[in-house]
Amino acid sequence: MISCEDLRNAFLSPQMIYYFHKKLAPLPSDVVDVRIDEALKFLNLAALSPGAIPVSKEIDDVWHYWVLETAEYETLCRKLPGGRFLHHSSNEYAEFHDPGA
C-alpha cells in the first residue's frame, strides 16, 4: 500500500508544497495537504484511464494551480504511470465535441 506521504515524496517538490499552501491560503495546512493528496491520487488514476474521471472542484483547483507551473507539471506528468502529459480541459470545452455530455 502506498501512503499519502509516499505519494507526496514521489511526486511533490518542497517548492510545490510551499506554492500550494500559499495559493490555497487561508485554508488550514492539513486541509491543503488532503487536497494535494487527493489530487495526486486522481492524477495517478487519470494517467491509467482512457476516459474522464469525475473530480471535485477542490481537487480540480489543485490541478489548475499545478498546470500553471508548467515545468513542475511536466515533471509530474513524466513521473506518473505511462510518463505522458495529462492535458486538462474544461467540461464546457469538451461539450463542443460531445454536446450531449
PDB file of N, CA and C in Angstrom:
ATOM      1  N   MET A   1       0.838  -1.179   0.000  1.00  0.00           N
ATOM      2  CA  MET A   1       0.000   0.000   0.000  1.00  0.00           C
ATOM      3  C   MET A   1       0.886   1.247   0.000  1.00  0.00           C
ATOM      4  N   ILE A   2       0.496   2.228  -0.774  1.00  0.00           N
ATOM      5  CA  ILE A   2       1.222   3.495  -0.851  1.00  0.00           C
ATOM      6  C   ILE A   2       0.502   4.509   0.024  1.00  0.00           C
ATOM      7  N   SER A   3       1.236   5.113   0.925  1.00  0.00           N
ATOM      8  CA  SER A   3       0.649   6.112   1.813  1.00  0.00           C
ATOM      9  C   SER A   3       0.613   7.476   1.117  1.00  0.00           C
ATOM     10  N   CYS A   4      -0.138   8.385   1.695  1.00  0.00           N
ATOM     11  CA  CYS A   4      -0.171   9.749   1.174  1.00  0.00           C
ATOM     12  C   CYS A   4       1.211  10.380   1.259  1.00  0.00           C
ATOM     13  N   GLU A   5       1.926  10.094   2.315  1.00  0.00           N
ATOM     14  CA  GLU A   5       3.285  10.612   2.448  1.00  0.00           C
ATOM     15  C   GLU A   5       4.180  10.081   1.333  1.00  0.00           C
ATOM     16  N   ASP A   6       4.032   8.798   0.989  1.00  0.00           N
ATOM     17  CA  ASP A   6       4.791   8.214  -0.116  1.00  0.00           C
ATOM     18  C   ASP A   6       4.472   8.930  -1.431  1.00  0.00           C
ATOM     19  N   LEU A   7       3.182   9.220  -1.655  1.00  0.00           N
ATOM     20  CA  LEU A   7       2.786   9.940  -2.868  1.00  0.00           C
ATOM     21  C   LEU A   7       3.436  11.317  -2.931  1.00  0.00           C
ATOM     22  N   ARG A   8       3.348  12.047  -1.819  1.00  0.00           N
ATOM     23  CA  ARG A   8       3.954  13.387  -1.791  1.00  0.00           C
ATOM     24  C   ARG A   8       5.452  13.308  -2.037  1.00  0.00           C
ATOM     25  N   ASN A   9       6.115  12.350  -1.403  1.00  0.00           N
ATOM     26  CA  ASN A   9       7.565  12.216  -1.577  1.00  0.00           C
ATOM     27  C   ASN A   9       7.937  11.858  -3.016  1.00  0.00           C
ATOM     28  N   ALA A  10       7.107  11.079  -3.671  1.00  0.00           N
ATOM     29  CA  ALA A  10       7.404  10.639  -5.033  1.00  0.00           C
ATOM     30  C   ALA A  10       7.113  11.709  -6.086  1.00  0.00           C
ATOM     31  N   PHE A  11       6.120  12.553  -5.826  1.00  0.00           N
ATOM     32  CA  PHE A  11       5.635  13.434  -6.892  1.00  0.00           C
ATOM     33  C   PHE A  11       5.694  14.935  -6.595  1.00  0.00           C
ATOM     34  N   LEU A  12       6.026  15.313  -5.400  1.00  0.00           N
ATOM     35  CA  LEU A  12       5.878  16.708  -4.999  1.00  0.00           C
ATOM     36  C   LEU A  12       7.183  17.283  -4.479  1.00  0.00           C
ATOM     37  N   SER A  13       7.617  18.388  -5.066  1.00  0.00           N
ATOM     38  CA  SER A  13       8.822  19.066  -4.593  1.00  0.00           C
ATOM     39  C   SER A  13       8.469  19.967  -3.410  1.00  0.00           C
ATOM     40  N   PRO A  14       9.450  20.288  -2.576  1.00  0.00           N
ATOM     41  CA  PRO A  14       9.190  21.227  -1.474  1.00  0.00           C
ATOM     42  C   PRO A  14       8.666  22.577  -1.974  1.00  0.00           C
ATOM     43  N   GLN A  15       9.140  23.008  -3.144  1.00  0.00           N
ATOM     44  CA  GLN A  15       8.667  24.266  -3.706  1.00  0.00           C
ATOM     45  C   GLN A  15       7.172  24.213  -4.005  1.00  0.00           C
ATOM     46  N   MET A  16       6.705  23.067  -4.515  1.00  0.00           N
ATOM     47  CA  MET A  16       5.287  22.945  -4.839  1.00  0.00           C
ATOM     48  C   MET A  16       4.435  22.880  -3.571  1.00  0.00           C
ATOM     49  N   ILE A  17       4.936  22.250  -2.533  1.00  0.00           N
ATOM     50  CA  ILE A  17       4.204  22.235  -1.264  1.00  0.00           C
ATOM     51  C   ILE A  17       4.011  23.678  -0.782  1.00  0.00           C
ATOM     52  N   TYR A  18       5.093  24.438  -0.800  1.00  0.00           N
ATOM     53  CA  TYR A  18       5.039  25.840  -0.402  1.00  0.00           C
ATOM     54  C   TYR A  18       4.034  26.603  -1.273  1.00  0.00           C
ATOM     55  N   TYR A  19       4.137  26.411  -2.568  1.00  0.00           N
ATOM     56  CA  TYR A  19       3.261  27.072  -3.546  1.00  0.00           C
ATOM     57  C   TYR A  19       1.790  26.773  -3.265  1.00  0.00           C
ATOM     58  N   PHE A  20       1.453  25.502  -3.083  1.00  0.00           N
ATOM     59  CA  PHE A  20       0.058  25.143  -2.839  1.00  0.00           C
ATOM     60  C   PHE A  20      -0.449  25.763  -1.543  1.00  0.00           C
ATOM     61  N   HIS A  21       0.373  25.767  -0.520  1.00  0.00           N
ATOM     62  CA  HIS A  21      -0.057  26.354   0.754  1.00  0.00           C
ATOM     63  C   HIS A  21      -0.270  27.863   0.610  1.00  0.00           C
ATOM     64  N   LYS A  22       0.529  28.523  -0.200  1.00  0.00           N
ATOM     65  CA  LYS A  22       0.330  29.955  -0.448  1.00  0.00           C
ATOM     66  C   LYS A  22      -0.931  30.188  -1.283  1.00  0.00           C
ATOM     67  N   LYS A  23      -1.115  29.408  -2.338  1.00  0.00           N
ATOM     68  CA  LYS A  23      -2.256  29.582  -3.229  1.00  0.00           C
ATOM     69  C   LYS A  23      -3.582  29.265  -2.538  1.00  0.00           C
ATOM     70  N   LEU A  24      -3.579  28.288  -1.652  1.00  0.00           N
ATOM     71  CA  LEU A  24      -4.816  27.846  -1.016  1.00  0.00           C
ATOM     72  C   LEU A  24      -5.041  28.470   0.362  1.00  0.00           C
ATOM     73  N   ALA A  25      -4.188  29.416   0.741  1.00  0.00           N
ATOM     74  CA  ALA A  25      -4.400  30.151   1.988  1.00  0.00           C
ATOM     75  C   ALA A  25      -5.716  30.918   1.854  1.00  0.00           C
ATOM     76  N   PRO A  26      -6.476  31.039   2.871  1.00  0.00           N
ATOM     77  CA  PRO A  26      -6.217  30.788   4.286  1.00  0.00           C
ATOM     78  C   PRO A  26      -6.686  29.426   4.783  1.00  0.00           C
ATOM     79  N   LEU A  27      -6.797  28.435   3.901  1.00  0.00           N
ATOM     80  CA  LEU A  27      -7.187  27.096   4.363  1.00  0.00           C
ATOM     81  C   LEU A  27      -6.159  26.567   5.357  1.00  0.00           C
ATOM     82  N   PRO A  28      -6.612  25.789   6.343  1.00  0.00           N
ATOM     83  CA  PRO A  28      -5.662  25.177   7.275  1.00  0.00           C
ATOM     84  C   PRO A  28      -4.698  24.245   6.531  1.00  0.00           C
ATOM     85  N   SER A  29      -3.506  24.142   7.049  1.00  0.00           N
ATOM     86  CA  SER A  29      -2.443  23.343   6.429  1.00  0.00           C
ATOM     87  C   SER A  29      -2.871  21.900   6.190  1.00  0.00           C
ATOM     88  N   ASP A  30      -3.558  21.307   7.155  1.00  0.00           N
ATOM     89  CA  ASP A  30      -3.963  19.910   6.999  1.00  0.00           C
ATOM     90  C   ASP A  30      -4.990  19.743   5.875  1.00  0.00           C
ATOM     91  N   VAL A  31      -5.837  20.740   5.662  1.00  0.00           N
ATOM     92  CA  VAL A  31      -6.819  20.684   4.574  1.00  0.00           C
ATOM     93  C   VAL A  31      -6.107  20.783   3.229  1.00  0.00           C
ATOM     94  N   VAL A  32      -5.133  21.673   3.130  1.00  0.00           N
ATOM     95  CA  VAL A  32      -4.351  21.802   1.901  1.00  0.00           C
ATOM     96  C   VAL A  32      -3.654  20.481   1.603  1.00  0.00           C
ATOM     97  N   ASP A  33      -3.063  19.868   2.614  1.00  0.00           N
ATOM     98  CA  ASP A  33      -2.369  18.592   2.417  1.00  0.00           C
ATOM     99  C   ASP A  33      -3.311  17.514   1.901  1.00  0.00           C
ATOM    100  N   VAL A  34      -4.518  17.454   2.438  1.00  0.00           N
ATOM    101  CA  VAL A  34      -5.501  16.459   1.980  1.00  0.00           C
ATOM    102  C   VAL A  34      -5.864  16.710   0.519  1.00  0.00           C
ATOM    103  N   ARG A  35      -6.042  17.966   0.150  1.00  0.00           N
ATOM    104  CA  ARG A  35      -6.385  18.285  -1.246  1.00  0.00           C
ATOM    105  C   ARG A  35      -5.244  17.907  -2.185  1.00  0.00           C
ATOM    106  N   ILE A  36      -4.020  18.162  -1.766  1.00  0.00           N
ATOM    107  CA  ILE A  36      -2.862  17.756  -2.576  1.00  0.00           C
ATOM    108  C   ILE A  36      -2.835  16.238  -2.719  1.00  0.00           C
ATOM    109  N   ASP A  37      -3.026  15.535  -1.601  1.00  0.00           N
ATOM    110  CA  ASP A  37      -3.023  14.064  -1.633  1.00  0.00           C
ATOM    111  C   ASP A  37      -4.086  13.535  -2.584  1.00  0.00           C
ATOM    112  N   GLU A  38      -5.285  14.090  -2.495  1.00  0.00           N
ATOM    113  CA  GLU A  38      -6.379  13.629  -3.350  1.00  0.00           C
ATOM    114  C   GLU A  38      -6.115  13.966  -4.818  1.00  0.00           C
ATOM    115  N   ALA A  39      -5.504  15.110  -5.075  1.00  0.00           N
ATOM    116  CA  ALA A  39      -5.144  15.461  -6.452  1.00  0.00           C
ATOM    117  C   ALA A  39      -4.119  14.479  -7.000  1.00  0.00           C
ATOM    118  N   LEU A  40      -3.154  14.096  -6.178  1.00  0.00           N
ATOM    119  CA  LEU A  40      -2.153  13.119  -6.621  1.00  0.00           C
ATOM    120  C   LEU A  40      -2.788  11.757  -6.900  1.00  0.00           C
ATOM    121  N   LYS A  41      -3.728  11.349  -6.079  1.00  0.00           N
ATOM    122  CA  LYS A  41      -4.436  10.090  -6.325  1.00  0.00           C
ATOM    123  C   LYS A  41      -5.196  10.172  -7.649  1.00  0.00           C
ATOM    124  N   PHE A  42      -5.910  11.285  -7.835  1.00  0.00           N
ATOM    125  CA  PHE A  42      -6.657  11.479  -9.069  1.00  0.00           C
ATOM    126  C   PHE A  42      -5.738  11.438 -10.290  1.00  0.00           C
ATOM    127  N   LEU A  43      -4.634  12.169 -10.239  1.00  0.00           N
ATOM    128  CA  LEU A  43      -3.736  12.232 -11.401  1.00  0.00           C
ATOM    129  C   LEU A  43      -3.112  10.872 -11.701  1.00  0.00           C
ATOM    130  N   ASN A  44      -2.816  10.090 -10.677  1.00  0.00           N
ATOM    131  CA  ASN A  44      -2.298   8.740 -10.911  1.00  0.00           C
ATOM    132  C   ASN A  44      -3.356   7.869 -11.574  1.00  0.00           C
ATOM    133  N   LEU A  45      -4.607   7.991 -11.146  1.00  0.00           N
ATOM    134  CA  LEU A  45      -5.694   7.244 -11.794  1.00  0.00           C
ATOM    135  C   LEU A  45      -5.925   7.734 -13.217  1.00  0.00           C
ATOM    136  N   ALA A  46      -5.908   9.040 -13.404  1.00  0.00           N
ATOM    137  CA  ALA A  46      -6.145   9.611 -14.730  1.00  0.00           C
ATOM    138  C   ALA A  46      -5.089   9.158 -15.728  1.00  0.00           C
ATOM    139  N   ALA A  47      -3.871   8.969 -15.244  1.00  0.00           N
ATOM    140  CA  ALA A  47      -2.794   8.518 -16.133  1.00  0.00           C
ATOM    141  C   ALA A  47      -3.051   7.105 -16.648  1.00  0.00           C
ATOM    142  N   LEU A  48      -3.846   6.342 -15.923  1.00  0.00           N
ATOM    143  CA  LEU A  48      -4.135   4.952 -16.299  1.00  0.00           C
ATOM    144  C   LEU A  48      -5.486   4.775 -17.002  1.00  0.00           C
ATOM    145  N   SER A  49      -6.297   5.827 -17.002  1.00  0.00           N
ATOM    146  CA  SER A  49      -7.661   5.715 -17.502  1.00  0.00           C
ATOM    147  C   SER A  49      -7.803   6.312 -18.900  1.00  0.00           C
ATOM    148  N   PRO A  50      -8.464   5.596 -19.804  1.00  0.00           N
ATOM    149  CA  PRO A  50      -8.695   6.146 -21.142  1.00  0.00           C
ATOM    150  C   PRO A  50      -9.834   7.165 -21.168  1.00  0.00           C
ATOM    151  N   GLY A  51     -10.675   7.186 -20.138  1.00  0.00           N
ATOM    152  CA  GLY A  51     -11.828   8.080 -20.122  1.00  0.00           C
ATOM    153  C   GLY A  51     -11.726   9.127 -19.041  1.00  0.00           C
ATOM    154  N   ALA A  52     -12.745   9.953 -18.985  1.00  0.00           N
ATOM    155  CA  ALA A  52     -12.802  11.020 -17.991  1.00  0.00           C
ATOM    156  C   ALA A  52     -13.126  10.443 -16.614  1.00  0.00           C
ATOM    157  N   ILE A  53     -12.561  11.053 -15.594  1.00  0.00           N
ATOM    158  CA  ILE A  53     -12.833  10.683 -14.213  1.00  0.00           C
ATOM    159  C   ILE A  53     -13.401  11.922 -13.528  1.00  0.00           C
ATOM    160  N   PRO A  54     -14.591  11.814 -12.942  1.00  0.00           N
ATOM    161  CA  PRO A  54     -15.142  12.982 -12.246  1.00  0.00           C
ATOM    162  C   PRO A  54     -14.242  13.368 -11.071  1.00  0.00           C
ATOM    163  N   VAL A  55     -14.129  14.663 -10.853  1.00  0.00           N
ATOM    164  CA  VAL A  55     -13.288  15.157  -9.775  1.00  0.00           C
ATOM    165  C   VAL A  55     -13.967  16.376  -9.152  1.00  0.00           C
ATOM    166  N   SER A  56     -13.785  16.560  -7.863  1.00  0.00           N
ATOM    167  CA  SER A  56     -14.402  17.689  -7.168  1.00  0.00           C
ATOM    168  C   SER A  56     -13.721  19.001  -7.554  1.00  0.00           C
ATOM    169  N   LYS A  57     -14.414  20.097  -7.311  1.00  0.00           N
ATOM    170  CA  LYS A  57     -13.861  21.415  -7.595  1.00  0.00           C
ATOM    171  C   LYS A  57     -12.585  21.648  -6.789  1.00  0.00           C
ATOM    172  N   GLU A  58     -12.565  21.186  -5.548  1.00  0.00           N
ATOM    173  CA  GLU A  58     -11.397  21.388  -4.693  1.00  0.00           C
ATOM    174  C   GLU A  58     -10.155  20.702  -5.264  1.00  0.00           C
ATOM    175  N   ILE A  59     -10.334  19.515  -5.799  1.00  0.00           N
ATOM    176  CA  ILE A  59      -9.205  18.787  -6.387  1.00  0.00           C
ATOM    177  C   ILE A  59      -8.846  19.387  -7.741  1.00  0.00           C
ATOM    178  N   ASP A  60      -9.849  19.781  -8.497  1.00  0.00           N
ATOM    179  CA  ASP A  60      -9.609  20.428  -9.783  1.00  0.00           C
ATOM    180  C   ASP A  60      -8.833  21.736  -9.591  1.00  0.00           C
ATOM    181  N   ASP A  61      -9.131  22.461  -8.526  1.00  0.00           N
ATOM    182  CA  ASP A  61      -8.394  23.694  -8.244  1.00  0.00           C
ATOM    183  C   ASP A  61      -6.905  23.422  -8.052  1.00  0.00           C
ATOM    184  N   VAL A  62      -6.573  22.349  -7.336  1.00  0.00           N
ATOM    185  CA  VAL A  62      -5.164  21.986  -7.150  1.00  0.00           C
ATOM    186  C   VAL A  62      -4.543  21.664  -8.506  1.00  0.00           C
ATOM    187  N   TRP A  63      -5.266  20.927  -9.341  1.00  0.00           N
ATOM    188  CA  TRP A  63      -4.770  20.594 -10.677  1.00  0.00           C
ATOM    189  C   TRP A  63      -4.517  21.873 -11.482  1.00  0.00           C
ATOM    190  N   HIS A  64      -5.447  22.818 -11.411  1.00  0.00           N
ATOM    191  CA  HIS A  64      -5.264  24.092 -12.124  1.00  0.00           C
ATOM    192  C   HIS A  64      -3.986  24.792 -11.681  1.00  0.00           C
ATOM    193  N   TYR A  65      -3.786  24.872 -10.373  1.00  0.00           N
ATOM    194  CA  TYR A  65      -2.570  25.526  -9.864  1.00  0.00           C
ATOM    195  C   TYR A  65      -1.322  24.803 -10.351  1.00  0.00           C
ATOM    196  N   TRP A  66      -1.376  23.475 -10.400  1.00  0.00           N
ATOM    197  CA  TRP A  66      -0.222  22.700 -10.847  1.00  0.00           C
ATOM    198  C   TRP A  66       0.077  22.983 -12.317  1.00  0.00           C
ATOM    199  N   VAL A  67      -0.968  23.009 -13.128  1.00  0.00           N
ATOM    200  CA  VAL A  67      -0.801  23.258 -14.564  1.00  0.00           C
ATOM    201  C   VAL A  67      -0.154  24.629 -14.805  1.00  0.00           C
ATOM    202  N   LEU A  68      -0.460  25.594 -13.961  1.00  0.00           N
ATOM    203  CA  LEU A  68       0.120  26.933 -14.119  1.00  0.00           C
ATOM    204  C   LEU A  68       1.636  26.942 -13.949  1.00  0.00           C
ATOM    205  N   GLU A  69       2.141  26.028 -13.176  1.00  0.00           N
ATOM    206  CA  GLU A  69       3.596  25.886 -13.012  1.00  0.00           C
ATOM    207  C   GLU A  69       4.046  24.835 -14.023  1.00  0.00           C
ATOM    208  N   THR A  70       4.174  25.264 -15.263  1.00  0.00           N
ATOM    209  CA  THR A  70       4.319  24.338 -16.387  1.00  0.00           C
ATOM    210  C   THR A  70       5.506  23.394 -16.269  1.00  0.00           C
ATOM    211  N   ALA A  71       6.643  23.867 -15.832  1.00  0.00           N
ATOM    212  CA  ALA A  71       7.818  22.992 -15.720  1.00  0.00           C
ATOM    213  C   ALA A  71       7.585  21.919 -14.654  1.00  0.00           C
ATOM    214  N   GLU A  72       7.018  22.315 -13.525  1.00  0.00           N
ATOM    215  CA  GLU A  72       6.719  21.347 -12.463  1.00  0.00           C
ATOM    216  C   GLU A  72       5.662  20.350 -12.913  1.00  0.00           C
ATOM    217  N   TYR A  73       4.661  20.854 -13.655  1.00  0.00           N
ATOM    218  CA  TYR A  73       3.603  19.963 -14.133  1.00  0.00           C
ATOM    219  C   TYR A  73       4.157  18.955 -15.138  1.00  0.00           C
ATOM    220  N   GLU A  74       5.030  19.409 -16.011  1.00  0.00           N
ATOM    221  CA  GLU A  74       5.656  18.490 -16.966  1.00  0.00           C
ATOM    222  C   GLU A  74       6.467  17.423 -16.233  1.00  0.00           C
ATOM    223  N   THR A  75       7.192  17.828 -15.210  1.00  0.00           N
ATOM    224  CA  THR A  75       7.970  16.875 -14.407  1.00  0.00           C
ATOM    225  C   THR A  75       7.045  15.866 -13.742  1.00  0.00           C
ATOM    226  N   LEU A  76       5.944  16.348 -13.173  1.00  0.00           N
ATOM    227  CA  LEU A  76       4.967  15.457 -12.554  1.00  0.00           C
ATOM    228  C   LEU A  76       4.461  14.438 -13.566  1.00  0.00           C
ATOM    229  N   CYS A  77       4.050  14.908 -14.734  1.00  0.00           N
ATOM    230  CA  CYS A  77       3.492  14.010 -15.752  1.00  0.00           C
ATOM    231  C   CYS A  77       4.484  12.926 -16.157  1.00  0.00           C
ATOM    232  N   ARG A  78       5.759  13.276 -16.230  1.00  0.00           N
ATOM    233  CA  ARG A  78       6.780  12.269 -16.576  1.00  0.00           C
ATOM    234  C   ARG A  78       6.899  11.199 -15.501  1.00  0.00           C
ATOM    235  N   LYS A  79       6.596  11.560 -14.256  1.00  0.00           N
ATOM    236  CA  LYS A  79       6.689  10.611 -13.137  1.00  0.00           C
ATOM    237  C   LYS A  79       5.453   9.732 -13.000  1.00  0.00           C
ATOM    238  N   LEU A  80       4.326  10.185 -13.549  1.00  0.00           N
ATOM    239  CA  LEU A  80       3.085   9.422 -13.437  1.00  0.00           C
ATOM    240  C   LEU A  80       3.160   8.152 -14.286  1.00  0.00           C
ATOM    241  N   PRO A  81       2.316   7.152 -13.979  1.00  0.00           N
ATOM    242  CA  PRO A  81       2.303   5.939 -14.799  1.00  0.00           C
ATOM    243  C   PRO A  81       2.148   6.286 -16.279  1.00  0.00           C
ATOM    244  N   GLY A  82       2.951   5.692 -17.116  1.00  0.00           N
ATOM    245  CA  GLY A  82       2.901   5.942 -18.547  1.00  0.00           C
ATOM    246  C   GLY A  82       3.784   7.092 -18.983  1.00  0.00           C
ATOM    247  N   GLY A  83       4.136   7.983 -18.056  1.00  0.00           N
ATOM    248  CA  GLY A  83       5.054   9.078 -18.346  1.00  0.00           C
ATOM    249  C   GLY A  83       4.598  10.050 -19.420  1.00  0.00           C
ATOM    250  N   ARG A  84       3.280  10.156 -19.629  1.00  0.00           N
ATOM    251  CA  ARG A  84       2.787  11.051 -20.685  1.00  0.00           C
ATOM    252  C   ARG A  84       2.121  12.275 -20.077  1.00  0.00           C
ATOM    253  N   PHE A  85       2.105  13.343 -20.851  1.00  0.00           N
ATOM    254  CA  PHE A  85       1.493  14.595 -20.425  1.00  0.00           C
ATOM    255  C   PHE A  85      -0.013  14.427 -20.303  1.00  0.00           C
ATOM    256  N   LEU A  86      -0.584  14.822 -19.181  1.00  0.00           N
ATOM    257  CA  LEU A  86      -2.036  14.777 -18.984  1.00  0.00           C
ATOM    258  C   LEU A  86      -2.610  16.159 -19.272  1.00  0.00           C
ATOM    259  N   HIS A  87      -3.377  16.248 -20.323  1.00  0.00           N
ATOM    260  CA  HIS A  87      -3.993  17.518 -20.679  1.00  0.00           C
ATOM    261  C   HIS A  87      -5.185  17.795 -19.780  1.00  0.00           C
ATOM    262  N   HIS A  88      -5.452  19.062 -19.589  1.00  0.00           N
ATOM    263  CA  HIS A  88      -6.592  19.482 -18.777  1.00  0.00           C
ATOM    264  C   HIS A  88      -7.510  20.324 -19.649  1.00  0.00           C
ATOM    265  N   SER A  89      -8.767  19.919 -19.739  1.00  0.00           N
ATOM    266  CA  SER A  89      -9.768  20.675 -20.481  1.00  0.00           C
ATOM    267  C   SER A  89     -11.003  20.828 -19.612  1.00  0.00           C
ATOM    268  N   SER A  90     -11.696  21.930 -19.785  1.00  0.00           N
ATOM    269  CA  SER A  90     -12.932  22.140 -19.033  1.00  0.00           C
ATOM    270  C   SER A  90     -14.063  21.333 -19.654  1.00  0.00           C
ATOM    271  N   ASN A  91     -15.090  21.093 -18.862  1.00  0.00           N
ATOM    272  CA  ASN A  91     -16.267  20.387 -19.371  1.00  0.00           C
ATOM    273  C   ASN A  91     -16.910  21.169 -20.503  1.00  0.00           C
ATOM    274  N   GLU A  92     -16.917  22.490 -20.379  1.00  0.00           N
ATOM    275  CA  GLU A  92     -17.535  23.317 -21.407  1.00  0.00           C
ATOM    276  C   GLU A  92     -16.787  23.192 -22.736  1.00  0.00           C
ATOM    277  N   TYR A  93     -15.490  23.109 -22.676  1.00  0.00           N
ATOM    278  CA  TYR A  93     -14.694  22.946 -23.901  1.00  0.00           C
ATOM    279  C   TYR A  93     -15.000  21.583 -24.536  1.00  0.00           C
ATOM    280  N   ALA A  94     -15.076  20.548 -23.706  1.00  0.00           N
ATOM    281  CA  ALA A  94     -15.348  19.198 -24.194  1.00  0.00           C
ATOM    282  C   ALA A  94     -16.743  19.079 -24.821  1.00  0.00           C
ATOM    283  N   GLU A  95     -17.695  19.907 -24.357  1.00  0.00           N
ATOM    284  CA  GLU A  95     -19.052  19.863 -24.900  1.00  0.00           C
ATOM    285  C   GLU A  95     -19.106  20.105 -26.396  1.00  0.00           C
ATOM    286  N   PHE A  96     -18.153  20.844 -26.926  1.00  0.00           N
ATOM    287  CA  PHE A  96     -18.128  21.128 -28.354  1.00  0.00           C
ATOM    288  C   PHE A  96     -18.101  19.825 -29.162  1.00  0.00           C
ATOM    289  N   HIS A  97     -17.323  18.860 -28.695  1.00  0.00           N
ATOM    290  CA  HIS A  97     -17.176  17.588 -29.392  1.00  0.00           C
ATOM    291  C   HIS A  97     -18.279  16.608 -29.043  1.00  0.00           C
ATOM    292  N   ASP A  98     -18.915  16.786 -27.888  1.00  0.00           N
ATOM    293  CA  ASP A  98     -19.976  15.893 -27.449  1.00  0.00           C
ATOM    294  C   ASP A  98     -21.044  16.716 -26.737  1.00  0.00           C
ATOM    295  N   PRO A  99     -21.911  17.407 -27.508  1.00  0.00           N
ATOM    296  CA  PRO A  99     -22.902  18.293 -26.890  1.00  0.00           C
ATOM    297  C   PRO A  99     -23.851  17.598 -25.925  1.00  0.00           C
ATOM    298  N   GLY A 100     -24.011  16.293 -26.030  1.00  0.00           N
ATOM    299  CA  GLY A 100     -24.905  15.572 -25.137  1.00  0.00           C
ATOM    300  C   GLY A 100     -24.272  15.213 -23.797  1.00  0.00           C
ATOM    301  N   ALA A 101     -22.988  15.489 -23.656  1.00  0.00           N
ATOM    302  CA  ALA A 101     -22.288  15.092 -22.410  1.00  0.00           C
ATOM    303  C   ALA A 101     -22.664  15.984 -21.251  1.00  0.00           C
TER     304      ALA A 101
END
